[in-house]
């Protein structure tokens, strides 16, 4: 049985994340999006390197292309009017690169990475929304963190983002209100990021803020709770599952949940639309 274990493990992983890498509909990706990043060193200035898989632009673009095909296929239709799109915690920016290719106006958000540590004073996973300054001097990558001046934060994917020219707003998404006008964006996207902002008890505060700044569509994809559940000795899983149910039943601020989907073997994807 042992000789089959690696193969079965690969098959299981493919079932969990296959939607990110499969050729879903056979749509060709434009060649100009599949070149590598044109920056001398994606890790320049970081205390530790980025995960290697996220430094490959072709890999990032294919993953982003698939996610848009599944979550926001309407934005890949040439006849759709240009939308103003905000992606929270855009990281390498591939989702916004794809949407920009289809003529949309895109804006990214990011901030220092502060996930490490089991103490609520230093880990963004467990902190309450609108937390007090935790007093961290550096983030998980060794970058200096000046929470008094968010615009000066050097976030991990800065070199990649600057190489592809994505306009950015650098601010801590765990603190509301955001530096954005009411209904400024047509679409807000938050993929595998909301758990970086605050404890699951407070996620609906973040979702309400998404509704404030958005006119039409909000897409939220949760991460599986493995890391956060391990870090927390309390009731994180109860809060996580309650937040999922709140998203599934969301009907507030002029928005309603219109779709939920399976990702990583769980119902983790949610699409909210203005009604």
C-alpha atoms as a PDB file:
ATOM      1  CA  UNK A   1       0.000   0.000   0.000  1.00  0.00           C
ATOM      2  CA  UNK A   2       2.889   2.367   0.732  1.00  0.00           C
ATOM      3  CA  UNK A   3       3.951   2.482  -2.922  1.00  0.00           C
ATOM      4  CA  UNK A   4       0.592   4.081  -3.790  1.00  0.00           C
ATOM      5  CA  UNK A   5       0.740   6.712  -1.061  1.00  0.00           C
ATOM      6  CA  UNK A   6       2.556   9.467  -3.048  1.00  0.00           C
ATOM      7  CA  UNK A   7       0.235   8.998  -6.031  1.00  0.00           C
ATOM      8  CA  UNK A   8      -2.869   9.068  -3.858  1.00  0.00           C
ATOM      9  CA  UNK A   9      -1.565  12.154  -2.104  1.00  0.00           C
ATOM     10  CA  UNK A  10      -1.117  13.913  -5.448  1.00  0.00           C
ATOM     11  CA  UNK A  11      -4.604  12.882  -6.545  1.00  0.00           C
ATOM     12  CA  UNK A  12      -6.100  14.164  -3.302  1.00  0.00           C
ATOM     13  CA  UNK A  13      -4.292  17.487  -3.681  1.00  0.00           C
ATOM     14  CA  UNK A  14      -5.531  17.755  -7.268  1.00  0.00           C
ATOM     15  CA  UNK A  15      -9.119  17.272  -6.093  1.00  0.00           C
ATOM     16  CA  UNK A  16      -8.659  20.030  -3.504  1.00  0.00           C
ATOM     17  CA  UNK A  17      -6.985  22.636  -5.724  1.00  0.00           C
ATOM     18  CA  UNK A  18      -7.565  21.308  -9.236  1.00  0.00           C
ATOM     19  CA  UNK A  19      -9.828  24.205 -10.157  1.00  0.00           C
ATOM     20  CA  UNK A  20      -6.814  26.498  -9.848  1.00  0.00           C
ATOM     21  CA  UNK A  21      -4.717  24.617 -12.388  1.00  0.00           C
ATOM     22  CA  UNK A  22      -6.999  22.714 -14.769  1.00  0.00           C
ATOM     23  CA  UNK A  23      -7.816  23.947 -18.280  1.00  0.00           C
ATOM     24  CA  UNK A  24     -11.429  24.616 -17.350  1.00  0.00           C
ATOM     25  CA  UNK A  25     -12.955  25.834 -20.609  1.00  0.00           C
ATOM     26  CA  UNK A  26     -10.108  25.755 -23.107  1.00  0.00           C
ATOM     27  CA  UNK A  27      -9.898  29.546 -23.347  1.00  0.00           C
ATOM     28  CA  UNK A  28      -6.404  30.572 -24.515  1.00  0.00           C
ATOM     29  CA  UNK A  29      -4.562  32.916 -22.187  1.00  0.00           C
ATOM     30  CA  UNK A  30      -2.905  35.811 -24.050  1.00  0.00           C
ATOM     31  CA  UNK A  31       0.812  35.219 -24.448  1.00  0.00           C
ATOM     32  CA  UNK A  32       1.739  38.673 -23.133  1.00  0.00           C
ATOM     33  CA  UNK A  33       0.395  37.673 -19.707  1.00  0.00           C
ATOM     34  CA  UNK A  34       2.529  34.539 -19.538  1.00  0.00           C
ATOM     35  CA  UNK A  35       6.015  36.046 -19.550  1.00  0.00           C
ATOM     36  CA  UNK A  36       8.011  36.077 -16.312  1.00  0.00           C
ATOM     37  CA  UNK A  37       8.171  39.103 -14.022  1.00  0.00           C
ATOM     38  CA  UNK A  38      10.602  41.751 -15.224  1.00  0.00           C
ATOM     39  CA  UNK A  39      12.244  42.634 -11.941  1.00  0.00           C
ATOM     40  CA  UNK A  40      15.804  41.899 -10.928  1.00  0.00           C
ATOM     41  CA  UNK A  41      14.987  40.288  -7.601  1.00  0.00           C
ATOM     42  CA  UNK A  42      11.462  39.558  -6.360  1.00  0.00           C
ATOM     43  CA  UNK A  43      12.881  39.015  -2.864  1.00  0.00           C
ATOM     44  CA  UNK A  44      15.003  42.158  -2.607  1.00  0.00           C
ATOM     45  CA  UNK A  45      14.956  43.520   0.916  1.00  0.00           C
ATOM     46  CA  UNK A  46      12.962  40.646   2.427  1.00  0.00           C
ATOM     47  CA  UNK A  47      14.192  38.777   5.474  1.00  0.00           C
ATOM     48  CA  UNK A  48      13.033  35.500   3.939  1.00  0.00           C
ATOM     49  CA  UNK A  49      12.059  34.669   0.352  1.00  0.00           C
ATOM     50  CA  UNK A  50       8.521  34.496  -0.970  1.00  0.00           C
ATOM     51  CA  UNK A  51       7.124  31.041  -1.661  1.00  0.00           C
ATOM     52  CA  UNK A  52       8.719  30.049  -4.935  1.00  0.00           C
ATOM     53  CA  UNK A  53       5.424  28.990  -6.550  1.00  0.00           C
ATOM     54  CA  UNK A  54       4.133  32.566  -6.212  1.00  0.00           C
ATOM     55  CA  UNK A  55       7.119  34.104  -7.973  1.00  0.00           C
ATOM     56  CA  UNK A  56       6.171  32.462 -11.311  1.00  0.00           C
ATOM     57  CA  UNK A  57       4.012  34.834 -13.313  1.00  0.00           C
ATOM     58  CA  UNK A  58       2.663  32.165 -15.733  1.00  0.00           C
ATOM     59  CA  UNK A  59       1.582  30.013 -12.783  1.00  0.00           C
ATOM     60  CA  UNK A  60      -0.026  32.985 -11.031  1.00  0.00           C
ATOM     61  CA  UNK A  61      -1.839  34.104 -14.177  1.00  0.00           C
ATOM     62  CA  UNK A  62      -3.249  30.639 -14.918  1.00  0.00           C
ATOM     63  CA  UNK A  63      -4.513  30.339 -11.351  1.00  0.00           C
ATOM     64  CA  UNK A  64      -6.060  33.816 -11.477  1.00  0.00           C
ATOM     65  CA  UNK A  65      -7.613  33.194 -14.902  1.00  0.00           C
ATOM     66  CA  UNK A  66      -9.365  30.073 -13.572  1.00  0.00           C
ATOM     67  CA  UNK A  67     -10.650  31.848 -10.475  1.00  0.00           C
ATOM     68  CA  UNK A  68     -12.141  34.668 -12.535  1.00  0.00           C
ATOM     69  CA  UNK A  69     -13.739  32.159 -14.905  1.00  0.00           C
ATOM     70  CA  UNK A  70     -15.469  30.551 -11.927  1.00  0.00           C
ATOM     71  CA  UNK A  71     -16.260  33.538  -9.696  1.00  0.00           C
ATOM     72  CA  UNK A  72     -16.626  36.448 -12.135  1.00  0.00           C
ATOM     73  CA  UNK A  73     -17.087  35.131 -15.696  1.00  0.00           C
ATOM     74  CA  UNK A  74     -19.200  38.178 -16.526  1.00  0.00           C
ATOM     75  CA  UNK A  75     -16.063  40.340 -16.299  1.00  0.00           C
ATOM     76  CA  UNK A  76     -14.417  38.313 -19.070  1.00  0.00           C
ATOM     77  CA  UNK A  77     -17.164  39.168 -21.566  1.00  0.00           C
ATOM     78  CA  UNK A  78     -16.057  41.858 -24.051  1.00  0.00           C
ATOM     79  CA  UNK A  79     -19.506  43.496 -24.130  1.00  0.00           C
ATOM     80  CA  UNK A  80     -19.532  44.190 -20.375  1.00  0.00           C
ATOM     81  CA  UNK A  81     -18.847  47.869 -19.549  1.00  0.00           C
ATOM     82  CA  UNK A  82     -15.531  48.510 -17.813  1.00  0.00           C
ATOM     83  CA  UNK A  83     -15.774  48.001 -14.051  1.00  0.00           C
ATOM     84  CA  UNK A  84     -13.700  49.561 -11.284  1.00  0.00           C
ATOM     85  CA  UNK A  85     -12.305  46.614  -9.327  1.00  0.00           C
ATOM     86  CA  UNK A  86     -10.581  46.517  -5.948  1.00  0.00           C
ATOM     87  CA  UNK A  87      -8.755  43.375  -4.868  1.00  0.00           C
ATOM     88  CA  UNK A  88      -7.969  43.164  -1.178  1.00  0.00           C
ATOM     89  CA  UNK A  89      -4.551  41.669  -0.365  1.00  0.00           C
ATOM     90  CA  UNK A  90      -3.787  41.356  -4.050  1.00  0.00           C
ATOM     91  CA  UNK A  91      -0.306  39.820  -3.402  1.00  0.00           C
ATOM     92  CA  UNK A  92       1.326  39.271  -6.842  1.00  0.00           C
ATOM     93  CA  UNK A  93      -1.605  40.986  -8.581  1.00  0.00           C
ATOM     94  CA  UNK A  94      -2.361  38.286 -11.171  1.00  0.00           C
ATOM     95  CA  UNK A  95      -6.141  38.566 -10.724  1.00  0.00           C
ATOM     96  CA  UNK A  96      -5.944  42.277 -11.457  1.00  0.00           C
ATOM     97  CA  UNK A  97      -3.607  41.698 -14.404  1.00  0.00           C
ATOM     98  CA  UNK A  98      -6.217  39.445 -15.997  1.00  0.00           C
ATOM     99  CA  UNK A  99      -9.065  41.864 -15.311  1.00  0.00           C
ATOM    100  CA  UNK A 100      -7.013  44.767 -16.672  1.00  0.00           C
ATOM    101  CA  UNK A 101      -6.524  42.739 -19.861  1.00  0.00           C
ATOM    102  CA  UNK A 102     -10.321  42.713 -20.256  1.00  0.00           C
ATOM    103  CA  UNK A 103     -10.460  46.499 -19.984  1.00  0.00           C
ATOM    104  CA  UNK A 104     -11.361  46.982 -16.335  1.00  0.00           C
ATOM    105  CA  UNK A 105      -9.927  49.678 -14.073  1.00  0.00           C
ATOM    106  CA  UNK A 106      -8.074  47.881 -11.287  1.00  0.00           C
ATOM    107  CA  UNK A 107      -6.752  48.818  -7.859  1.00  0.00           C
ATOM    108  CA  UNK A 108      -4.925  46.554  -5.434  1.00  0.00           C
ATOM    109  CA  UNK A 109      -4.582  46.625  -1.669  1.00  0.00           C
ATOM    110  CA  UNK A 110      -1.874  45.097   0.495  1.00  0.00           C
ATOM    111  CA  UNK A 111      -0.053  45.560   3.768  1.00  0.00           C
ATOM    112  CA  UNK A 112       2.650  44.068   5.956  1.00  0.00           C
ATOM    113  CA  UNK A 113       2.343  40.326   6.595  1.00  0.00           C
ATOM    114  CA  UNK A 114       1.758  39.778  10.313  1.00  0.00           C
ATOM    115  CA  UNK A 115       0.499  36.212  10.716  1.00  0.00           C
ATOM    116  CA  UNK A 116       3.260  34.709  12.816  1.00  0.00           C
ATOM    117  CA  UNK A 117       2.971  34.085  16.530  1.00  0.00           C
ATOM    118  CA  UNK A 118       0.315  32.601  18.782  1.00  0.00           C
ATOM    119  CA  UNK A 119      -0.135  35.747  20.883  1.00  0.00           C
ATOM    120  CA  UNK A 120      -3.104  37.916  19.885  1.00  0.00           C
ATOM    121  CA  UNK A 121      -0.837  40.933  20.306  1.00  0.00           C
ATOM    122  CA  UNK A 122       1.328  39.915  17.321  1.00  0.00           C
ATOM    123  CA  UNK A 123      -0.791  37.639  15.100  1.00  0.00           C
ATOM    124  CA  UNK A 124      -3.302  39.225  12.760  1.00  0.00           C
ATOM    125  CA  UNK A 125      -5.232  35.922  12.644  1.00  0.00           C
ATOM    126  CA  UNK A 126      -6.444  36.289  16.217  1.00  0.00           C
ATOM    127  CA  UNK A 127      -6.596  40.034  16.799  1.00  0.00           C
ATOM    128  CA  UNK A 128      -9.942  41.807  17.122  1.00  0.00           C
ATOM    129  CA  UNK A 129     -11.038  44.135  14.351  1.00  0.00           C
ATOM    130  CA  UNK A 130      -9.792  47.705  14.817  1.00  0.00           C
ATOM    131  CA  UNK A 131      -7.148  46.459  17.238  1.00  0.00           C
ATOM    132  CA  UNK A 132      -4.737  48.741  19.025  1.00  0.00           C
ATOM    133  CA  UNK A 133      -1.212  49.043  17.647  1.00  0.00           C
ATOM    134  CA  UNK A 134       0.484  45.750  18.598  1.00  0.00           C
ATOM    135  CA  UNK A 135       3.896  47.394  18.702  1.00  0.00           C
ATOM    136  CA  UNK A 136       5.539  45.123  16.124  1.00  0.00           C
ATOM    137  CA  UNK A 137       8.687  46.605  14.635  1.00  0.00           C
ATOM    138  CA  UNK A 138       9.023  44.146  11.719  1.00  0.00           C
ATOM    139  CA  UNK A 139       6.654  41.913   9.803  1.00  0.00           C
ATOM    140  CA  UNK A 140       7.051  38.188   9.029  1.00  0.00           C
ATOM    141  CA  UNK A 141       9.441  39.014   6.166  1.00  0.00           C
ATOM    142  CA  UNK A 142      11.679  41.278   8.206  1.00  0.00           C
ATOM    143  CA  UNK A 143      10.335  44.514   6.768  1.00  0.00           C
ATOM    144  CA  UNK A 144      10.074  47.523   9.060  1.00  0.00           C
ATOM    145  CA  UNK A 145       6.485  48.207  10.077  1.00  0.00           C
ATOM    146  CA  UNK A 146       5.360  51.751  10.762  1.00  0.00           C
ATOM    147  CA  UNK A 147       1.663  51.416  11.557  1.00  0.00           C
ATOM    148  CA  UNK A 148       1.388  55.174  12.013  1.00  0.00           C
ATOM    149  CA  UNK A 149       2.238  55.702   8.347  1.00  0.00           C
ATOM    150  CA  UNK A 150       0.652  52.907   6.320  1.00  0.00           C
ATOM    151  CA  UNK A 151       1.737  54.401   3.019  1.00  0.00           C
ATOM    152  CA  UNK A 152       5.376  53.773   3.986  1.00  0.00           C
ATOM    153  CA  UNK A 153       4.917  50.039   4.605  1.00  0.00           C
ATOM    154  CA  UNK A 154       7.071  47.809   2.405  1.00  0.00           C
ATOM    155  CA  UNK A 155       4.786  44.871   1.736  1.00  0.00           C
ATOM    156  CA  UNK A 156       6.188  41.476   0.598  1.00  0.00           C
ATOM    157  CA  UNK A 157       5.045  41.581  -3.054  1.00  0.00           C
ATOM    158  CA  UNK A 158       6.052  45.169  -3.717  1.00  0.00           C
ATOM    159  CA  UNK A 159       8.757  44.374  -6.294  1.00  0.00           C
ATOM    160  CA  UNK A 160       6.438  42.111  -8.309  1.00  0.00           C
ATOM    161  CA  UNK A 161       3.536  44.586  -8.204  1.00  0.00           C
ATOM    162  CA  UNK A 162       5.729  47.469  -9.337  1.00  0.00           C
ATOM    163  CA  UNK A 163       7.085  45.365 -12.210  1.00  0.00           C
ATOM    164  CA  UNK A 164       3.564  44.827 -13.616  1.00  0.00           C
ATOM    165  CA  UNK A 165       2.312  48.329 -12.828  1.00  0.00           C
ATOM    166  CA  UNK A 166      -0.719  47.624 -10.648  1.00  0.00           C
ATOM    167  CA  UNK A 167      -1.911  50.780  -8.797  1.00  0.00           C
ATOM    168  CA  UNK A 168      -2.005  50.119  -5.056  1.00  0.00           C
ATOM    169  CA  UNK A 169      -3.524  51.389  -1.819  1.00  0.00           C
ATOM    170  CA  UNK A 170      -1.473  50.294   1.159  1.00  0.00           C
ATOM    171  CA  UNK A 171      -3.522  50.041   4.341  1.00  0.00           C
ATOM    172  CA  UNK A 172      -4.290  47.617   7.147  1.00  0.00           C
ATOM    173  CA  UNK A 173      -7.535  45.864   6.176  1.00  0.00           C
ATOM    174  CA  UNK A 174      -8.150  44.915   9.806  1.00  0.00           C
ATOM    175  CA  UNK A 175      -9.002  48.528  10.572  1.00  0.00           C
ATOM    176  CA  UNK A 176     -12.170  50.240   9.392  1.00  0.00           C
ATOM    177  CA  UNK A 177     -13.229  52.468   7.766  1.00  0.00           C
ATOM    178  CA  UNK A 178     -11.008  51.940   4.740  1.00  0.00           C
ATOM    179  CA  UNK A 179      -9.515  54.887   2.833  1.00  0.00           C
ATOM    180  CA  UNK A 180     -12.152  54.590   0.091  1.00  0.00           C
ATOM    181  CA  UNK A 181     -15.334  56.481  -0.735  1.00  0.00           C
ATOM    182  CA  UNK A 182     -18.812  55.039  -0.370  1.00  0.00           C
ATOM    183  CA  UNK A 183     -19.607  52.871  -3.422  1.00  0.00           C
ATOM    184  CA  UNK A 184     -16.273  53.753  -5.016  1.00  0.00           C
ATOM    185  CA  UNK A 185     -15.815  50.309  -6.596  1.00  0.00           C
ATOM    186  CA  UNK A 186     -18.085  48.227  -8.782  1.00  0.00           C
ATOM    187  CA  UNK A 187     -16.465  44.998  -7.630  1.00  0.00           C
ATOM    188  CA  UNK A 188     -14.483  44.053  -4.518  1.00  0.00           C
ATOM    189  CA  UNK A 189     -12.548  40.778  -4.419  1.00  0.00           C
ATOM    190  CA  UNK A 190     -11.015  39.156  -1.338  1.00  0.00           C
ATOM    191  CA  UNK A 191      -9.449  35.769  -2.060  1.00  0.00           C
ATOM    192  CA  UNK A 192      -7.939  33.784   0.834  1.00  0.00           C
ATOM    193  CA  UNK A 193      -7.224  36.958   2.769  1.00  0.00           C
ATOM    194  CA  UNK A 194      -9.945  37.932   5.236  1.00  0.00           C
ATOM    195  CA  UNK A 195      -8.442  35.634   7.890  1.00  0.00           C
ATOM    196  CA  UNK A 196      -5.328  37.823   7.765  1.00  0.00           C
ATOM    197  CA  UNK A 197      -7.302  40.822   8.967  1.00  0.00           C
ATOM    198  CA  UNK A 198      -8.835  39.789  12.280  1.00  0.00           C
ATOM    199  CA  UNK A 199     -10.446  36.981  14.276  1.00  0.00           C
ATOM    200  CA  UNK A 200     -13.364  35.211  12.596  1.00  0.00           C
ATOM    201  CA  UNK A 201     -15.671  36.676  15.263  1.00  0.00           C
ATOM    202  CA  UNK A 202     -15.264  40.035  13.519  1.00  0.00           C
ATOM    203  CA  UNK A 203     -15.340  39.085   9.847  1.00  0.00           C
ATOM    204  CA  UNK A 204     -18.835  40.479   9.338  1.00  0.00           C
ATOM    205  CA  UNK A 205     -17.500  43.931  10.275  1.00  0.00           C
ATOM    206  CA  UNK A 206     -15.071  43.568   7.368  1.00  0.00           C
ATOM    207  CA  UNK A 207     -17.826  42.320   5.040  1.00  0.00           C
ATOM    208  CA  UNK A 208     -20.007  45.286   5.987  1.00  0.00           C
ATOM    209  CA  UNK A 209     -17.103  47.562   5.048  1.00  0.00           C
ATOM    210  CA  UNK A 210     -16.803  45.792   1.683  1.00  0.00           C
ATOM    211  CA  UNK A 211     -20.498  46.595   1.165  1.00  0.00           C
ATOM    212  CA  UNK A 212     -19.925  50.262   2.004  1.00  0.00           C
ATOM    213  CA  UNK A 213     -17.273  50.751  -0.667  1.00  0.00           C
ATOM    214  CA  UNK A 214     -18.859  48.514  -3.343  1.00  0.00           C
ATOM    215  CA  UNK A 215     -21.697  49.110  -5.806  1.00  0.00           C
ATOM    216  CA  UNK A 216     -22.327  45.721  -7.338  1.00  0.00           C
ATOM    217  CA  UNK A 217     -20.431  42.519  -6.541  1.00  0.00           C
ATOM    218  CA  UNK A 218     -18.305  41.158  -3.706  1.00  0.00           C
ATOM    219  CA  UNK A 219     -16.390  37.883  -3.950  1.00  0.00           C
ATOM    220  CA  UNK A 220     -14.932  36.279  -0.833  1.00  0.00           C
ATOM    221  CA  UNK A 221     -12.899  33.071  -0.717  1.00  0.00           C
ATOM    222  CA  UNK A 222     -11.908  31.796   2.707  1.00  0.00           C
ATOM    223  CA  UNK A 223      -8.825  29.791   3.518  1.00  0.00           C
ATOM    224  CA  UNK A 224      -9.300  26.469   5.298  1.00  0.00           C
ATOM    225  CA  UNK A 225      -8.887  27.197   9.022  1.00  0.00           C
ATOM    226  CA  UNK A 226      -6.000  24.821   9.723  1.00  0.00           C
ATOM    227  CA  UNK A 227      -3.413  27.403  10.719  1.00  0.00           C
ATOM    228  CA  UNK A 228      -5.742  29.628  12.686  1.00  0.00           C
ATOM    229  CA  UNK A 229      -7.346  26.688  14.480  1.00  0.00           C
ATOM    230  CA  UNK A 230      -3.924  25.446  15.573  1.00  0.00           C
ATOM    231  CA  UNK A 231      -2.907  28.875  16.810  1.00  0.00           C
ATOM    232  CA  UNK A 232      -6.024  29.438  18.884  1.00  0.00           C
ATOM    233  CA  UNK A 233      -6.675  27.561  22.111  1.00  0.00           C
ATOM    234  CA  UNK A 234     -10.247  28.828  22.283  1.00  0.00           C
ATOM    235  CA  UNK A 235     -13.278  28.663  20.030  1.00  0.00           C
ATOM    236  CA  UNK A 236     -11.890  29.722  16.653  1.00  0.00           C
ATOM    237  CA  UNK A 237     -13.601  26.865  14.811  1.00  0.00           C
ATOM    238  CA  UNK A 238     -16.975  27.853  16.249  1.00  0.00           C
ATOM    239  CA  UNK A 239     -16.423  31.428  15.084  1.00  0.00           C
ATOM    240  CA  UNK A 240     -15.158  30.247  11.677  1.00  0.00           C
ATOM    241  CA  UNK A 241     -18.198  28.094  10.997  1.00  0.00           C
ATOM    242  CA  UNK A 242     -20.562  30.794  12.225  1.00  0.00           C
ATOM    243  CA  UNK A 243     -18.900  33.267   9.859  1.00  0.00           C
ATOM    244  CA  UNK A 244     -19.385  30.838   6.960  1.00  0.00           C
ATOM    245  CA  UNK A 245     -23.063  30.549   7.804  1.00  0.00           C
ATOM    246  CA  UNK A 246     -23.350  34.328   8.114  1.00  0.00           C
ATOM    247  CA  UNK A 247     -21.876  34.685   4.639  1.00  0.00           C
ATOM    248  CA  UNK A 248     -24.214  32.038   3.217  1.00  0.00           C
ATOM    249  CA  UNK A 249     -27.217  33.862   4.702  1.00  0.00           C
ATOM    250  CA  UNK A 250     -25.919  37.385   4.120  1.00  0.00           C
ATOM    251  CA  UNK A 251     -28.700  39.873   3.377  1.00  0.00           C
ATOM    252  CA  UNK A 252     -27.670  43.294   4.625  1.00  0.00           C
ATOM    253  CA  UNK A 253     -26.395  46.684   3.465  1.00  0.00           C
ATOM    254  CA  UNK A 254     -28.217  46.210   0.160  1.00  0.00           C
ATOM    255  CA  UNK A 255     -26.354  42.953  -0.637  1.00  0.00           C
ATOM    256  CA  UNK A 256     -27.399  39.316  -0.677  1.00  0.00           C
ATOM    257  CA  UNK A 257     -25.421  36.091  -1.016  1.00  0.00           C
ATOM    258  CA  UNK A 258     -26.279  34.650  -4.432  1.00  0.00           C
ATOM    259  CA  UNK A 259     -23.785  31.805  -4.670  1.00  0.00           C
ATOM    260  CA  UNK A 260     -21.569  29.613  -2.502  1.00  0.00           C
ATOM    261  CA  UNK A 261     -19.012  27.133  -3.780  1.00  0.00           C
ATOM    262  CA  UNK A 262     -16.696  24.314  -2.733  1.00  0.00           C
ATOM    263  CA  UNK A 263     -12.979  25.083  -2.470  1.00  0.00           C
ATOM    264  CA  UNK A 264     -10.380  22.885  -0.780  1.00  0.00           C
ATOM    265  CA  UNK A 265     -13.099  20.373   0.044  1.00  0.00           C
ATOM    266  CA  UNK A 266     -15.297  22.828   1.974  1.00  0.00           C
ATOM    267  CA  UNK A 267     -17.902  25.494   1.267  1.00  0.00           C
ATOM    268  CA  UNK A 268     -15.515  28.444   1.344  1.00  0.00           C
ATOM    269  CA  UNK A 269     -16.435  30.602  -1.664  1.00  0.00           C
ATOM    270  CA  UNK A 270     -19.172  33.250  -1.500  1.00  0.00           C
ATOM    271  CA  UNK A 271     -20.526  35.798  -3.989  1.00  0.00           C
ATOM    272  CA  UNK A 272     -22.586  38.730  -2.731  1.00  0.00           C
ATOM    273  CA  UNK A 273     -24.478  40.998  -5.114  1.00  0.00           C
ATOM    274  CA  UNK A 274     -26.352  44.265  -4.713  1.00  0.00           C
ATOM    275  CA  UNK A 275     -30.131  43.871  -4.698  1.00  0.00           C
END
